[in-house]
Amino acid sequence: MIFTIYVLYIVIGITFNVTVGVKLLQMSLGMPTEYRGHTIGLLGNFNQNKTDDFRARGSTESLASNITEKEIFKQFGQTCKYTCQMYICIYVIKIL
């Protein structure tokens, strides 16, 4: 079974899609260009500098480029947790 979660943050114009399939997880993000250089987080910094995308929340330094996926998950991914209680979210789930 494949399903897609689509989140739209209406006020700020950001869309986020997650599609889950068999051994597959795809994510995409749509963001207005005026946010370029003003964002940080799980999907990078949106500043066109790939060397600083893995910067843990609250840190000023990026992770080394030669670390393992497991280390990225622990040292970076886990610091980017959010809950819907932190934001106003609208969810539309399509089951294909």
C-alpha atoms as a PDB file:
ATOM      1  CA  MET A   1       0.000   0.000   0.000  1.00  0.00           C
ATOM      2  CA  ILE A   2       1.203   3.506  -0.843  1.00  0.00           C
ATOM      3  CA  PHE A   3      -0.134   6.604   0.880  1.00  0.00           C
ATOM      4  CA  THR A   4       0.655  10.309   0.795  1.00  0.00           C
ATOM      5  CA  ILE A   5       0.438  12.864   3.570  1.00  0.00           C
ATOM      6  CA  TYR A   6       0.093  16.433   2.345  1.00  0.00           C
ATOM      7  CA  VAL A   7       0.520  19.303   4.796  1.00  0.00           C
ATOM      8  CA  LEU A   8      -0.208  22.906   3.826  1.00  0.00           C
ATOM      9  CA  TYR A   9       0.779  25.795   6.063  1.00  0.00           C
ATOM     10  CA  ILE A  10      -1.605  28.318   4.524  1.00  0.00           C
ATOM     11  CA  VAL A  11      -0.434  31.448   6.315  1.00  0.00           C
ATOM     12  CA  ILE A  12       3.209  31.120   5.232  1.00  0.00           C
ATOM     13  CA  GLY A  13       2.764  29.351   1.864  1.00  0.00           C
ATOM     14  CA  ILE A  14       4.728  26.171   2.595  1.00  0.00           C
ATOM     15  CA  THR A  15       3.680  22.702   1.412  1.00  0.00           C
ATOM     16  CA  PHE A  16       5.137  19.429   2.640  1.00  0.00           C
ATOM     17  CA  ASN A  17       4.477  16.005   1.100  1.00  0.00           C
ATOM     18  CA  VAL A  18       5.471  12.598   2.419  1.00  0.00           C
ATOM     19  CA  THR A  19       4.758   9.477   0.373  1.00  0.00           C
ATOM     20  CA  VAL A  20       5.238   6.098   2.009  1.00  0.00           C
ATOM     21  CA  GLY A  21       5.559   2.990  -0.117  1.00  0.00           C
ATOM     22  CA  VAL A  22       7.140  -0.439   0.064  1.00  0.00           C
ATOM     23  CA  LYS A  23      10.705   0.182   1.337  1.00  0.00           C
ATOM     24  CA  LEU A  24      10.408   3.792   0.198  1.00  0.00           C
ATOM     25  CA  LEU A  25       9.887   7.155   1.849  1.00  0.00           C
ATOM     26  CA  GLN A  26       9.767  10.242  -0.358  1.00  0.00           C
ATOM     27  CA  MET A  27       9.574  13.796   0.926  1.00  0.00           C
ATOM     28  CA  SER A  28       9.177  17.075  -0.892  1.00  0.00           C
ATOM     29  CA  LEU A  29       8.902  20.640   0.307  1.00  0.00           C
ATOM     30  CA  GLY A  30       7.572  23.705  -1.460  1.00  0.00           C
ATOM     31  CA  MET A  31       8.644  27.063  -0.091  1.00  0.00           C
ATOM     32  CA  PRO A  32       8.480  30.638  -1.390  1.00  0.00           C
ATOM     33  CA  THR A  33      11.868  32.044  -2.445  1.00  0.00           C
ATOM     34  CA  GLU A  34      11.671  34.867   0.090  1.00  0.00           C
ATOM     35  CA  TYR A  35      12.601  32.256   2.740  1.00  0.00           C
ATOM     36  CA  ARG A  36      15.979  31.570   1.067  1.00  0.00           C
ATOM     37  CA  GLY A  37      18.741  32.137   3.618  1.00  0.00           C
ATOM     38  CA  HIS A  38      16.280  32.397   6.520  1.00  0.00           C
ATOM     39  CA  THR A  39      15.513  28.750   7.294  1.00  0.00           C
ATOM     40  CA  ILE A  40      17.209  25.816   8.986  1.00  0.00           C
ATOM     41  CA  GLY A  41      16.037  22.305   9.728  1.00  0.00           C
ATOM     42  CA  LEU A  42      15.669  18.722   8.658  1.00  0.00           C
ATOM     43  CA  LEU A  43      15.607  19.440   4.912  1.00  0.00           C
ATOM     44  CA  GLY A  44      18.578  21.808   4.969  1.00  0.00           C
ATOM     45  CA  ASN A  45      19.074  25.520   5.209  1.00  0.00           C
ATOM     46  CA  PHE A  46      17.677  26.681   1.857  1.00  0.00           C
ATOM     47  CA  ASN A  47      20.764  28.828   1.296  1.00  0.00           C
ATOM     48  CA  GLN A  48      22.279  26.962  -1.690  1.00  0.00           C
ATOM     49  CA  ASN A  49      25.248  25.801   0.454  1.00  0.00           C
ATOM     50  CA  LYS A  50      25.159  21.992   0.696  1.00  0.00           C
ATOM     51  CA  THR A  51      28.039  21.871   3.190  1.00  0.00           C
ATOM     52  CA  ASP A  52      25.983  23.304   6.067  1.00  0.00           C
ATOM     53  CA  ASP A  53      22.718  21.372   5.675  1.00  0.00           C
ATOM     54  CA  PHE A  54      23.324  18.951   8.573  1.00  0.00           C
ATOM     55  CA  ARG A  55      23.332  21.471  11.410  1.00  0.00           C
ATOM     56  CA  ALA A  56      21.667  20.170  14.573  1.00  0.00           C
ATOM     57  CA  ARG A  57      19.022  22.326  16.198  1.00  0.00           C
ATOM     58  CA  GLY A  58      20.684  24.734  18.621  1.00  0.00           C
ATOM     59  CA  SER A  59      24.140  24.209  17.109  1.00  0.00           C
ATOM     60  CA  THR A  60      26.259  26.610  15.080  1.00  0.00           C
ATOM     61  CA  GLU A  61      28.381  23.859  13.495  1.00  0.00           C
ATOM     62  CA  SER A  62      27.451  21.367  10.780  1.00  0.00           C
ATOM     63  CA  LEU A  63      28.133  17.652  11.001  1.00  0.00           C
ATOM     64  CA  ALA A  64      31.082  16.250   9.089  1.00  0.00           C
ATOM     65  CA  SER A  65      30.304  15.122   5.545  1.00  0.00           C
ATOM     66  CA  ASN A  66      31.749  11.617   6.092  1.00  0.00           C
ATOM     67  CA  ILE A  67      29.474  10.414   8.935  1.00  0.00           C
ATOM     68  CA  THR A  68      27.134   7.431   8.619  1.00  0.00           C
ATOM     69  CA  GLU A  69      23.368   7.597   8.083  1.00  0.00           C
ATOM     70  CA  LYS A  70      22.891   6.293  11.637  1.00  0.00           C
ATOM     71  CA  GLU A  71      25.010   9.141  13.022  1.00  0.00           C
ATOM     72  CA  ILE A  72      23.095  11.670  10.910  1.00  0.00           C
ATOM     73  CA  PHE A  73      19.836  10.316  12.346  1.00  0.00           C
ATOM     74  CA  LYS A  74      21.062  10.501  15.954  1.00  0.00           C
ATOM     75  CA  GLN A  75      23.070  13.730  15.846  1.00  0.00           C
ATOM     76  CA  PHE A  76      20.895  15.674  13.405  1.00  0.00           C
ATOM     77  CA  GLY A  77      17.515  14.117  12.652  1.00  0.00           C
ATOM     78  CA  GLN A  78      16.491  13.618  16.269  1.00  0.00           C
ATOM     79  CA  THR A  79      17.102  17.314  17.002  1.00  0.00           C
ATOM     80  CA  CYS A  80      14.520  18.324  14.362  1.00  0.00           C
ATOM     81  CA  LYS A  81      11.464  16.744  15.999  1.00  0.00           C
ATOM     82  CA  TYR A  82       8.302  18.842  15.917  1.00  0.00           C
ATOM     83  CA  THR A  83       4.765  18.140  17.007  1.00  0.00           C
ATOM     84  CA  CYS A  84       1.572  19.463  15.479  1.00  0.00           C
ATOM     85  CA  GLN A  85       0.805  21.157  18.805  1.00  0.00           C
ATOM     86  CA  MET A  86       3.674  23.534  17.967  1.00  0.00           C
ATOM     87  CA  TYR A  87       1.926  24.667  14.747  1.00  0.00           C
ATOM     88  CA  ILE A  88      -1.492  24.915  13.133  1.00  0.00           C
ATOM     89  CA  CYS A  89      -1.587  21.991  10.686  1.00  0.00           C
ATOM     90  CA  ILE A  90      -4.064  20.888   8.044  1.00  0.00           C
ATOM     91  CA  TYR A  91      -3.699  17.245   6.952  1.00  0.00           C
ATOM     92  CA  VAL A  92      -5.123  15.688   3.815  1.00  0.00           C
ATOM     93  CA  ILE A  93      -4.326  11.986   3.427  1.00  0.00           C
ATOM     94  CA  LYS A  94      -4.740  10.262   0.044  1.00  0.00           C
ATOM     95  CA  ILE A  95      -4.610   6.465  -0.001  1.00  0.00           C
ATOM     96  CA  LEU A  96      -3.730   5.133  -3.442  1.00  0.00           C
END
